[in-house]
N, C-alpha and C. Protein backbone atom coordinates (compact mmCIF):
# COMPACT_ATOMS: atom_id res chain seq x y z
N MET A 1 -42.65 46.46 58.86
CA MET A 1 -42.51 45.26 59.68
C MET A 1 -42.37 46.30 61.02
N VAL A 2 -41.93 47.53 60.95
CA VAL A 2 -40.64 47.57 62.07
C VAL A 2 -41.39 48.65 62.74
N LYS A 3 -42.51 49.20 61.90
CA LYS A 3 -43.96 49.90 63.23
C LYS A 3 -44.52 48.92 63.63
N LYS A 4 -44.85 47.24 62.88
CA LYS A 4 -45.71 46.67 64.28
C LYS A 4 -44.55 46.75 65.21
N LEU A 5 -43.75 45.92 65.25
CA LEU A 5 -42.11 46.42 66.29
C LEU A 5 -42.47 47.51 67.29
N GLN A 6 -42.90 48.67 66.47
CA GLN A 6 -42.35 49.82 67.45
C GLN A 6 -44.05 49.80 68.57
N LYS A 7 -45.50 49.43 67.57
CA LYS A 7 -46.37 49.74 68.33
C LYS A 7 -46.28 48.04 70.05
N ASN A 8 -45.82 46.68 69.14
CA ASN A 8 -45.59 45.40 70.18
C ASN A 8 -44.35 45.83 71.12
N GLN A 9 -44.03 47.21 71.42
CA GLN A 9 -41.99 47.13 72.08
C GLN A 9 -43.58 48.32 73.15
N SER A 10 -44.18 49.05 72.43
CA SER A 10 -45.17 49.44 74.27
C SER A 10 -44.54 49.77 75.35
N SER A 11 -45.21 47.66 75.75
CA SER A 11 -45.57 47.69 77.09
C SER A 11 -44.09 46.04 76.99
N PRO A 12 -43.57 46.66 78.19
CA PRO A 12 -42.28 45.39 78.72
C PRO A 12 -42.77 44.63 78.40
N ALA A 13 -43.94 44.11 78.93
CA ALA A 13 -43.91 42.44 79.09
C ALA A 13 -43.75 42.08 77.12
N ALA A 14 -44.78 42.95 75.99
CA ALA A 14 -44.34 42.22 74.57
C ALA A 14 -43.65 42.27 74.62
N HIS A 15 -42.07 43.08 75.37
CA HIS A 15 -41.00 43.60 74.69
C HIS A 15 -40.02 42.19 75.69
N ALA A 16 -40.32 41.95 76.36
CA ALA A 16 -39.72 40.59 77.13
C ALA A 16 -40.85 39.04 76.12
N ALA A 17 -41.83 38.89 76.42
CA ALA A 17 -42.29 38.35 75.05
C ALA A 17 -41.06 38.09 72.97
N LEU A 18 -41.40 39.04 72.60
CA LEU A 18 -40.32 39.41 71.46
C LEU A 18 -39.63 38.93 71.74
N THR A 19 -38.57 38.78 72.43
CA THR A 19 -37.16 38.75 73.14
C THR A 19 -36.93 37.05 72.92
N GLY A 20 -37.38 36.73 74.00
CA GLY A 20 -37.61 35.54 74.18
C GLY A 20 -38.33 34.48 73.29
N SER A 21 -38.63 35.26 71.81
CA SER A 21 -39.65 34.47 70.92
C SER A 21 -38.51 34.96 69.91
N VAL A 22 -37.41 35.12 69.83
CA VAL A 22 -36.74 35.85 68.27
C VAL A 22 -35.36 34.31 69.85
N LYS A 23 -35.59 34.68 70.98
CA LYS A 23 -34.04 34.07 70.94
C LYS A 23 -34.55 32.64 70.82
N ASP A 24 -35.16 32.20 71.10
CA ASP A 24 -35.69 31.26 70.84
C ASP A 24 -35.83 30.28 69.29
N SER A 25 -36.37 31.37 68.48
CA SER A 25 -35.54 30.89 66.97
C SER A 25 -34.86 31.14 66.75
N ALA A 26 -33.85 31.17 68.00
CA ALA A 26 -32.01 31.91 66.97
C ALA A 26 -32.04 30.54 67.41
N GLN A 27 -32.73 30.16 69.20
CA GLN A 27 -31.88 29.08 69.24
C GLN A 27 -31.78 27.47 68.07
N GLN A 28 -33.66 27.36 67.99
CA GLN A 28 -33.32 26.89 66.84
C GLN A 28 -32.77 26.25 65.71
N ILE A 29 -32.66 27.55 65.03
CA ILE A 29 -31.87 28.26 63.76
C ILE A 29 -30.70 27.23 63.96
N TRP A 30 -30.05 27.03 65.07
CA TRP A 30 -28.85 27.37 65.44
C TRP A 30 -28.37 25.70 65.78
N GLN A 31 -28.77 25.16 67.17
CA GLN A 31 -29.49 23.64 66.63
C GLN A 31 -29.61 22.89 65.04
N ALA A 32 -31.14 23.91 64.14
CA ALA A 32 -30.70 22.73 63.72
C ALA A 32 -29.42 22.75 61.63
N GLY A 33 -29.47 24.17 62.62
CA GLY A 33 -27.94 24.20 61.62
C GLY A 33 -26.81 22.76 62.36
N LEU A 34 -26.52 22.62 63.75
CA LEU A 34 -25.28 21.38 64.20
C LEU A 34 -26.16 20.48 63.51
N GLY A 35 -27.39 20.37 63.31
CA GLY A 35 -28.33 19.21 62.90
C GLY A 35 -27.06 17.95 61.58
N ALA A 36 -27.59 20.06 60.69
CA ALA A 36 -27.25 19.81 59.16
C ALA A 36 -25.60 19.25 59.02
N PHE A 37 -25.45 20.28 60.83
CA PHE A 37 -23.76 19.48 60.42
C PHE A 37 -23.17 18.27 59.45
N THR A 38 -23.77 17.94 61.36
CA THR A 38 -23.54 16.43 62.06
C THR A 38 -23.53 15.82 60.21
N ARG A 39 -25.55 15.64 59.82
CA ARG A 39 -25.76 15.06 59.75
C ARG A 39 -25.60 14.49 58.14
N ALA A 40 -24.27 16.02 57.09
CA ALA A 40 -23.88 16.20 56.81
C ALA A 40 -22.24 15.38 56.08
N GLN A 41 -21.87 16.14 58.02
CA GLN A 41 -20.95 14.96 57.64
C GLN A 41 -20.84 13.23 58.18
N ALA A 42 -21.52 12.98 58.85
CA ALA A 42 -22.26 11.74 58.33
C ALA A 42 -22.04 10.82 57.36
N GLU A 43 -22.98 11.81 56.54
CA GLU A 43 -23.53 11.59 54.96
C GLU A 43 -22.56 12.29 54.21
N GLY A 44 -21.57 12.30 54.18
CA GLY A 44 -20.99 13.37 53.48
C GLY A 44 -19.90 12.69 52.84
N SER A 45 -19.42 11.97 53.47
CA SER A 45 -18.53 10.84 53.14
C SER A 45 -19.59 9.51 51.84
N LYS A 46 -20.56 9.11 52.68
CA LYS A 46 -21.12 8.52 52.06
C LYS A 46 -22.02 9.19 50.76
N ALA A 47 -22.14 10.27 50.36
CA ALA A 47 -22.73 11.06 49.17
C ALA A 47 -21.50 11.23 48.31
N PHE A 48 -19.79 10.88 49.00
CA PHE A 48 -18.63 11.14 48.08
C PHE A 48 -18.55 10.05 47.75
N GLU A 49 -18.64 8.95 48.03
CA GLU A 49 -18.09 7.67 47.86
C GLU A 49 -19.15 7.19 46.14
N ALA A 50 -20.78 7.87 46.53
CA ALA A 50 -21.83 7.69 45.68
C ALA A 50 -21.43 8.29 44.32
N LEU A 51 -20.95 9.68 44.47
CA LEU A 51 -20.46 11.02 43.57
C LEU A 51 -19.13 10.42 43.15
N VAL A 52 -18.51 9.26 43.15
CA VAL A 52 -17.19 8.72 43.22
C VAL A 52 -17.45 7.93 41.83
N LYS A 53 -18.12 6.87 42.54
CA LYS A 53 -18.92 5.88 42.14
C LYS A 53 -19.20 5.72 40.29
N GLU A 54 -20.35 7.14 40.50
CA GLU A 54 -21.67 7.67 39.42
C GLU A 54 -20.04 9.15 38.98
N GLY A 55 -19.08 9.10 39.14
CA GLY A 55 -18.00 9.08 38.45
C GLY A 55 -17.36 8.87 37.62
N VAL A 56 -17.14 8.13 37.60
CA VAL A 56 -15.76 6.48 37.38
C VAL A 56 -17.23 5.72 36.68
N THR A 57 -18.02 5.62 36.71
CA THR A 57 -19.30 5.21 35.48
C THR A 57 -19.71 6.08 34.24
N ILE A 58 -19.34 7.24 34.82
CA ILE A 58 -19.64 8.42 33.23
C ILE A 58 -18.31 8.26 32.65
N GLN A 59 -17.44 8.01 33.59
CA GLN A 59 -16.09 7.89 32.64
C GLN A 59 -15.23 6.48 31.91
N ARG A 60 -16.75 5.42 31.85
CA ARG A 60 -15.76 4.90 31.58
C ARG A 60 -17.35 4.45 30.71
N LYS A 61 -18.39 4.91 30.54
CA LYS A 61 -19.17 5.32 29.15
C LYS A 61 -18.26 5.91 28.76
N THR A 62 -17.74 7.47 28.50
CA THR A 62 -17.29 7.97 28.02
C THR A 62 -16.14 8.20 27.01
N GLN A 63 -15.32 6.99 28.37
CA GLN A 63 -13.74 6.43 26.91
C GLN A 63 -15.03 5.54 26.37
N ALA A 64 -15.82 4.68 25.71
CA ALA A 64 -15.93 3.45 25.53
C ALA A 64 -16.27 4.30 24.20
N ALA A 65 -16.77 5.56 24.64
CA ALA A 65 -17.45 6.09 23.36
C ALA A 65 -16.68 6.96 22.98
N ALA A 66 -15.24 6.72 22.77
CA ALA A 66 -14.12 8.16 22.24
C ALA A 66 -13.66 6.31 21.29
N GLU A 67 -13.17 5.64 22.51
CA GLU A 67 -12.75 4.85 22.11
C GLU A 67 -13.61 3.94 20.29
N GLU A 68 -14.88 3.79 20.20
CA GLU A 68 -15.85 4.41 19.65
C GLU A 68 -15.54 4.91 18.05
N LYS A 69 -15.68 5.94 18.47
CA LYS A 69 -15.96 6.86 17.85
C LYS A 69 -14.30 6.67 16.56
N ILE A 70 -13.29 7.15 17.97
CA ILE A 70 -11.66 6.57 17.66
C ILE A 70 -11.47 5.30 16.63
N SER A 71 -12.24 4.09 16.98
CA SER A 71 -11.96 3.07 15.69
C SER A 71 -12.86 3.56 14.78
N GLU A 72 -13.59 4.46 14.42
CA GLU A 72 -14.81 4.64 13.48
C GLU A 72 -13.81 5.29 12.66
N ALA A 73 -12.70 6.44 13.01
CA ALA A 73 -12.10 7.21 12.70
C ALA A 73 -10.80 6.91 11.69
N THR A 74 -10.62 5.33 12.37
CA THR A 74 -9.49 5.14 11.83
C THR A 74 -9.69 4.01 11.08
N SER A 75 -11.34 3.65 10.64
CA SER A 75 -11.80 2.62 9.02
C SER A 75 -11.58 3.70 8.30
N LYS A 76 -11.93 3.96 8.44
CA LYS A 76 -12.18 5.45 7.94
C LYS A 76 -11.23 6.49 6.93
N MET A 77 -10.23 6.52 7.66
CA MET A 77 -8.96 6.81 7.06
C MET A 77 -8.32 5.65 6.33
N SER A 78 -8.04 5.01 6.65
CA SER A 78 -7.80 3.44 6.69
C SER A 78 -8.20 3.12 5.36
N HIS A 79 -9.48 3.28 5.07
CA HIS A 79 -9.79 2.73 3.99
C HIS A 79 -9.84 4.13 3.14
N MET A 80 -9.88 5.10 2.78
CA MET A 80 -9.68 6.44 2.17
C MET A 80 -7.93 6.03 1.47
N ALA A 81 -7.24 5.48 2.33
CA ALA A 81 -5.63 4.92 2.58
C ALA A 81 -5.57 4.42 1.25
N THR A 82 -6.49 3.49 1.98
CA THR A 82 -6.21 2.29 0.34
C THR A 82 -7.16 2.44 -0.27
N ASP A 83 -7.81 3.44 -0.65
CA ASP A 83 -8.51 3.95 -1.92
C ASP A 83 -7.39 5.34 -3.06
N ILE A 84 -7.52 5.82 -1.47
CA ILE A 84 -6.40 6.84 -2.57
C ILE A 84 -5.19 5.27 -3.48
N SER A 85 -4.45 4.49 -3.17
CA SER A 85 -3.48 3.75 -2.78
C SER A 85 -3.25 3.41 -3.78
N SER A 86 -5.21 2.80 -4.56
CA SER A 86 -5.13 1.97 -5.22
C SER A 86 -5.72 3.23 -7.12
N LYS A 87 -6.28 3.77 -6.17
CA LYS A 87 -6.45 5.04 -7.72
C LYS A 87 -5.03 5.29 -7.86
N ALA A 88 -3.86 5.51 -6.51
CA ALA A 88 -2.36 6.35 -7.98
C ALA A 88 -2.43 5.84 -8.54
N SER A 89 -2.06 3.61 -7.86
CA SER A 89 -0.97 2.42 -8.27
C SER A 89 -1.83 2.59 -10.16
N GLY A 90 -3.07 2.61 -9.92
CA GLY A 90 -3.21 2.70 -11.21
C GLY A 90 -2.89 3.91 -12.09
N GLN A 91 -2.93 4.81 -12.00
CA GLN A 91 -2.63 5.77 -12.24
C GLN A 91 -1.62 5.64 -12.66
N TRP A 92 -0.20 5.57 -12.11
CA TRP A 92 1.51 5.35 -12.22
C TRP A 92 1.36 3.58 -12.93
N ASP A 93 0.24 3.02 -13.02
CA ASP A 93 0.01 1.78 -14.38
C ASP A 93 0.26 2.29 -15.69
N ARG A 94 -0.76 3.00 -15.89
CA ARG A 94 -1.46 4.03 -16.86
C ARG A 94 -0.44 4.51 -17.23
N LEU A 95 0.38 5.40 -17.22
CA LEU A 95 2.12 6.81 -17.01
C LEU A 95 2.24 5.29 -17.88
N GLU A 96 3.19 4.56 -17.48
CA GLU A 96 4.18 3.45 -16.95
C GLU A 96 3.48 3.19 -19.39
N ASN A 97 2.17 2.38 -18.92
CA ASN A 97 1.77 1.43 -20.44
C ASN A 97 2.03 2.67 -21.59
N ILE A 98 1.57 3.80 -21.09
CA ILE A 98 1.88 4.73 -22.22
C ILE A 98 2.80 5.32 -22.69
N PHE A 99 4.05 5.41 -21.57
CA PHE A 99 4.88 5.12 -21.38
C PHE A 99 5.66 4.93 -22.37
N GLU A 100 5.41 2.83 -22.95
CA GLU A 100 6.28 1.93 -22.83
C GLU A 100 5.40 2.10 -24.56
N GLU A 101 4.09 2.52 -25.02
CA GLU A 101 3.20 2.09 -26.08
C GLU A 101 4.27 3.25 -27.33
N ARG A 102 4.69 4.47 -26.29
CA ARG A 102 5.02 5.81 -27.16
C ARG A 102 6.83 5.57 -26.92
N VAL A 103 7.37 5.03 -26.26
CA VAL A 103 9.13 4.69 -25.97
C VAL A 103 8.52 3.41 -27.92
N ALA A 104 8.01 2.41 -27.85
CA ALA A 104 7.23 1.31 -29.12
C ALA A 104 7.89 1.81 -30.53
N LYS A 105 6.61 2.28 -30.31
CA LYS A 105 7.18 3.83 -30.85
C LYS A 105 7.94 3.88 -31.59
N ALA A 106 7.91 4.76 -31.25
CA ALA A 106 9.45 5.55 -31.67
C ALA A 106 11.38 4.49 -32.15
N LEU A 107 10.61 3.41 -31.72
CA LEU A 107 11.43 2.53 -31.95
C LEU A 107 11.69 1.77 -33.15
N ASN A 108 10.61 2.21 -32.97
CA ASN A 108 9.11 0.99 -34.56
C ASN A 108 9.34 1.84 -35.47
N LYS A 109 10.71 3.55 -34.93
CA LYS A 109 9.80 4.40 -36.45
C LYS A 109 11.71 4.53 -37.46
N LEU A 110 12.54 4.31 -35.95
CA LEU A 110 13.80 3.92 -36.11
C LEU A 110 13.87 3.35 -37.19
N GLY A 111 13.49 2.11 -37.16
CA GLY A 111 13.51 0.57 -37.57
C GLY A 111 14.17 0.26 -36.84
N VAL A 112 14.38 -0.51 -35.47
CA VAL A 112 14.75 -0.91 -34.44
C VAL A 112 13.68 -2.11 -34.23
N PRO A 113 13.96 -4.07 -33.58
CA PRO A 113 13.40 -4.67 -33.80
C PRO A 113 12.37 -4.43 -32.17
N SER A 114 11.69 -5.30 -32.05
CA SER A 114 11.21 -5.24 -31.11
C SER A 114 10.82 -6.66 -30.35
N ALA A 115 10.83 -6.85 -29.30
CA ALA A 115 10.85 -7.89 -28.88
C ALA A 115 10.14 -8.98 -29.80
N LYS A 116 9.01 -8.16 -29.83
CA LYS A 116 8.62 -10.35 -30.45
C LYS A 116 8.49 -10.45 -31.68
N ASP A 117 9.75 -9.45 -32.96
CA ASP A 117 10.11 -9.10 -33.99
C ASP A 117 11.18 -10.24 -34.35
N VAL A 118 12.39 -10.08 -32.83
CA VAL A 118 12.62 -11.08 -32.64
C VAL A 118 12.60 -12.23 -31.79
N ASN A 119 11.49 -12.19 -30.90
CA ASN A 119 10.62 -13.75 -30.36
C ASN A 119 10.60 -14.17 -31.19
N ALA A 120 9.76 -13.64 -32.36
CA ALA A 120 9.35 -14.44 -34.16
C ALA A 120 10.55 -14.51 -34.83
N LEU A 121 11.31 -14.26 -34.59
CA LEU A 121 12.99 -14.70 -35.77
C LEU A 121 13.32 -16.05 -34.47
N ILE A 122 13.79 -15.42 -33.83
CA ILE A 122 14.14 -17.02 -32.36
C ILE A 122 12.64 -18.06 -33.13
N ALA A 123 12.06 -18.05 -32.88
CA ALA A 123 11.08 -18.66 -33.36
C ALA A 123 11.99 -19.99 -34.64
N ARG A 124 11.66 -18.82 -35.50
CA ARG A 124 12.45 -18.57 -37.09
C ARG A 124 13.12 -19.84 -37.19
N ILE A 125 14.66 -19.17 -36.90
CA ILE A 125 14.97 -19.72 -36.54
C ILE A 125 15.79 -20.67 -36.06
N ASP A 126 14.95 -21.68 -35.79
CA ASP A 126 14.94 -22.65 -34.00
C ASP A 126 14.28 -24.13 -35.39
N GLU A 127 13.16 -23.77 -35.60
CA GLU A 127 13.06 -24.16 -37.12
C GLU A 127 13.55 -24.73 -37.67
N LEU A 128 14.24 -23.36 -38.91
CA LEU A 128 15.54 -24.19 -40.05
C LEU A 128 16.65 -24.60 -39.50
N ASN A 129 16.97 -24.73 -37.88
CA ASN A 129 18.56 -25.42 -37.56
C ASN A 129 17.16 -27.00 -37.71
N LYS A 130 15.82 -26.84 -37.32
CA LYS A 130 15.57 -28.32 -37.03
C LYS A 130 16.07 -29.46 -38.31
N ALA A 131 15.20 -27.99 -39.34
CA ALA A 131 15.25 -28.65 -40.81
C ALA A 131 17.19 -29.09 -41.57
N VAL A 132 17.82 -28.63 -41.09
CA VAL A 132 18.79 -28.12 -41.57
C VAL A 132 19.26 -30.28 -40.87
N ARG A 133 18.88 -30.15 -39.38
CA ARG A 133 19.05 -31.12 -39.49
C ARG A 133 18.68 -32.66 -40.50
N LYS A 134 17.58 -32.38 -39.72
CA LYS A 134 16.63 -34.37 -40.02
C LYS A 134 17.24 -34.15 -41.54
N LEU A 135 17.28 -32.58 -42.92
CA LEU A 135 17.86 -32.54 -44.01
C LEU A 135 19.34 -33.26 -43.73
N SER A 136 20.10 -33.51 -43.14
CA SER A 136 22.13 -33.23 -42.99
C SER A 136 21.66 -35.18 -42.12
N ALA A 137 21.57 -35.91 -41.21
CA ALA A 137 20.06 -36.87 -41.01
C ALA A 137 20.47 -37.73 -42.51
N LYS A 138 20.00 -37.43 -43.20
CA LYS A 138 19.04 -38.00 -43.81
C LYS A 138 20.03 -37.99 -45.39
N ALA A 139 21.37 -37.92 -45.66
CA ALA A 139 22.51 -37.23 -46.09
C ALA A 139 22.72 -38.33 -46.62
N PRO A 140 23.46 -39.30 -47.48
CA PRO A 140 24.40 -40.26 -47.46
C PRO A 140 25.75 -39.55 -47.62
N ALA A 141 26.63 -40.57 -46.11
CA ALA A 141 27.69 -39.95 -46.41
C ALA A 141 28.24 -40.47 -46.95
N PRO A 142 29.43 -38.83 -47.18
CA PRO A 142 30.60 -40.00 -48.06
C PRO A 142 30.70 -41.31 -48.10
N ARG A 143 31.65 -41.58 -49.19
CA ARG A 143 31.92 -43.66 -48.26
C ARG A 143 33.26 -43.22 -48.91
N PRO A 144 35.11 -44.15 -48.21
CA PRO A 144 36.60 -42.92 -48.34
C PRO A 144 36.25 -43.66 -49.88
N ASP A 145 37.49 -43.93 -50.17
CA ASP A 145 37.91 -44.35 -51.85
C ASP A 145 38.34 -46.29 -51.35
N SER A 146 37.98 -46.62 -51.99
CA SER A 146 38.79 -48.14 -51.85
C SER A 146 40.27 -48.55 -52.71
N LYS A 147 40.08 -47.63 -52.69
CA LYS A 147 41.95 -47.74 -53.50
C LYS A 147 42.55 -47.48 -52.79
N PRO A 148 43.53 -48.28 -52.38
CA PRO A 148 44.80 -47.51 -51.49
C PRO A 148 45.94 -46.72 -51.68
N VAL A 149 46.27 -45.75 -50.58
CA VAL A 149 46.92 -44.59 -51.49
C VAL A 149 48.57 -44.69 -50.73
N ALA A 150 49.53 -45.37 -51.78
CA ALA A 150 50.56 -45.69 -51.31
C ALA A 150 51.39 -44.13 -51.55
N LYS A 151 52.39 -44.48 -51.23
CA LYS A 151 53.53 -43.25 -50.03
C LYS A 151 54.02 -43.26 -51.50
N ALA A 152 54.39 -41.28 -51.71
CA ALA A 152 55.05 -41.17 -53.23
C ALA A 152 55.73 -40.45 -52.40
N SER A 153 57.30 -40.63 -53.08
CA SER A 153 58.73 -39.71 -53.13
C SER A 153 58.32 -38.66 -53.21
N LYS A 154 59.31 -37.86 -53.25
CA LYS A 154 59.14 -36.66 -53.04
C LYS A 154 58.71 -35.87 -54.12
N PRO A 155 57.60 -35.03 -54.36
CA PRO A 155 56.69 -34.69 -56.08
C PRO A 155 57.57 -33.17 -56.01
N THR A 156 58.21 -33.53 -57.56
CA THR A 156 58.58 -32.76 -58.30
C THR A 156 58.45 -31.68 -58.51
N ALA A 157 58.42 -30.43 -58.93
CA ALA A 157 57.71 -29.10 -60.55
C ALA A 157 56.65 -30.29 -60.72
N LYS A 158 57.44 -31.07 -61.29
CA LYS A 158 56.55 -31.58 -62.65
C LYS A 158 54.72 -31.83 -62.24
N THR A 159 55.58 -32.91 -61.18
CA THR A 159 54.66 -33.69 -60.53
C THR A 159 53.46 -33.14 -59.71
N ARG A 160 54.11 -31.85 -59.52
CA ARG A 160 53.26 -31.32 -57.89
C ARG A 160 51.71 -30.50 -58.37
N LYS A 161 51.12 -31.08 -57.56
CA LYS A 161 49.51 -30.66 -57.39
C LYS A 161 49.62 -29.38 -56.73
N THR A 162 47.92 -28.78 -56.56
CA THR A 162 47.98 -28.09 -56.21
C THR A 162 46.96 -28.72 -55.30
N PRO A 163 46.84 -28.20 -53.76
CA PRO A 163 46.21 -29.38 -53.04
C PRO A 163 44.96 -29.10 -53.51
N ALA A 164 43.95 -29.93 -53.40
CA ALA A 164 42.24 -29.55 -53.21
C ALA A 164 42.29 -28.50 -52.36
N PRO A 165 40.64 -28.32 -52.23
CA PRO A 165 40.35 -27.16 -51.14
C PRO A 165 39.42 -28.38 -50.19
N LYS A 166 39.90 -28.33 -48.36
CA LYS A 166 39.13 -29.54 -47.79
C LYS A 166 37.65 -29.27 -47.52
N ALA A 167 36.81 -30.32 -47.24
CA ALA A 167 35.23 -29.86 -47.96
C ALA A 167 35.00 -28.69 -46.49
N ALA A 168 34.27 -28.40 -46.05
CA ALA A 168 34.15 -27.94 -45.02
C ALA A 168 33.01 -29.04 -43.76
N THR A 169 33.22 -29.73 -42.75
CA THR A 169 32.92 -29.83 -41.78
C THR A 169 31.22 -29.86 -42.00
N LYS A 170 31.19 -28.33 -41.00
CA LYS A 170 30.28 -27.39 -40.42
C LYS A 170 29.94 -26.53 -41.04
N ALA A 171 28.28 -25.68 -41.20
CA ALA A 171 27.76 -25.02 -41.77
C ALA A 171 28.54 -22.78 -41.34
N ILE A 172 28.84 -22.87 -42.25
CA ILE A 172 29.17 -21.36 -40.96
C ILE A 172 26.98 -21.08 -41.31
N PRO A 173 26.31 -19.89 -40.01
CA PRO A 173 25.38 -19.33 -40.24
C PRO A 173 26.13 -18.09 -40.58
N LYS A 174 25.43 -17.92 -41.57
CA LYS A 174 25.16 -16.44 -42.22
C LYS A 174 24.71 -15.82 -41.00
N ARG A 175 25.17 -14.00 -41.07
CA ARG A 175 23.35 -12.95 -40.61
C ARG A 175 22.72 -12.60 -40.43
N ALA A 176 22.30 -12.71 -39.56
CA ALA A 176 20.43 -12.27 -39.32
C ALA A 176 20.56 -10.99 -39.71
N THR A 177 20.07 -10.37 -40.57
CA THR A 177 19.79 -8.68 -40.72
C THR A 177 18.57 -9.19 -40.31
N PRO A 178 18.16 -7.60 -39.61
CA PRO A 178 16.97 -7.49 -38.45
C PRO A 178 16.06 -7.09 -39.90
N ILE A 179 14.52 -7.77 -39.20
CA ILE A 179 13.37 -7.51 -40.35
C ILE A 179 13.86 -5.83 -40.42
N ARG A 180 12.88 -5.05 -41.42
CA ARG A 180 13.34 -3.30 -41.29
C ARG A 180 11.32 -3.48 -41.69
N LYS A 181 10.61 -2.62 -40.92
CA LYS A 181 9.19 -2.36 -40.74
C LYS A 181 9.37 -0.87 -42.01
N PRO A 182 8.42 -1.11 -42.84
CA PRO A 182 8.48 0.58 -43.62
C PRO A 182 7.69 1.14 -43.11
N ALA A 183 7.89 2.71 -42.78
CA ALA A 183 8.36 4.18 -42.13
C ALA A 183 6.87 4.19 -42.19
N ALA A 184 6.59 4.17 -40.80
CA ALA A 184 4.64 5.14 -40.68
C ALA A 184 4.63 5.96 -41.11
N ALA A 185 3.48 6.76 -41.55
CA ALA A 185 2.44 8.19 -42.24
C ALA A 185 2.70 8.74 -40.86
N LYS A 186 3.75 9.99 -41.65
CA LYS A 186 3.48 11.21 -40.66
C LYS A 186 2.01 11.58 -39.53
N GLY A 187 0.99 10.53 -40.16
CA GLY A 187 -0.83 11.30 -39.59
C GLY A 187 -0.08 9.38 -38.26
N GLU A 188 0.21 9.03 -37.99
CA GLU A 188 0.28 7.83 -36.76
C GLU A 188 0.86 8.40 -36.48
């Protein structure tokens, strides 16, 4: 291209035409730049507002998606926590049952009656008390003697008698002894 310019520079008229052409091109470029600048200024605010609106829309979509993911994760974690809690309580109940069974076996080997044995004894005692009440209600009451009792003077040594023991009005219950089960074989 430099060679073409050098060939064209040989004549002054060509030189002036070239210079004018470059000037015109530069002038057009300058004017195009000014036009683009003014258009950018005028449409720039519109473009900026459009970009802001688009950004708000994208932000809302992103925020909704994030909230959805957070709620899913929260739901999964809650479900997992419930599962773990139920498994832990099941294990705790199982451990408690094992402990109760072993304590009951140890107490049984020592001859200590269980709560079931004590409740059975209480029920048996209640039945016996009812039977005793029925029998004592049916028994005839002792009749008082029809002979009047005369006042005696002071007893003398010859006439003094030892007093008869008084009849008991209440039956004194005997102390119940606990039922002892035979010791279990060592293999249990």
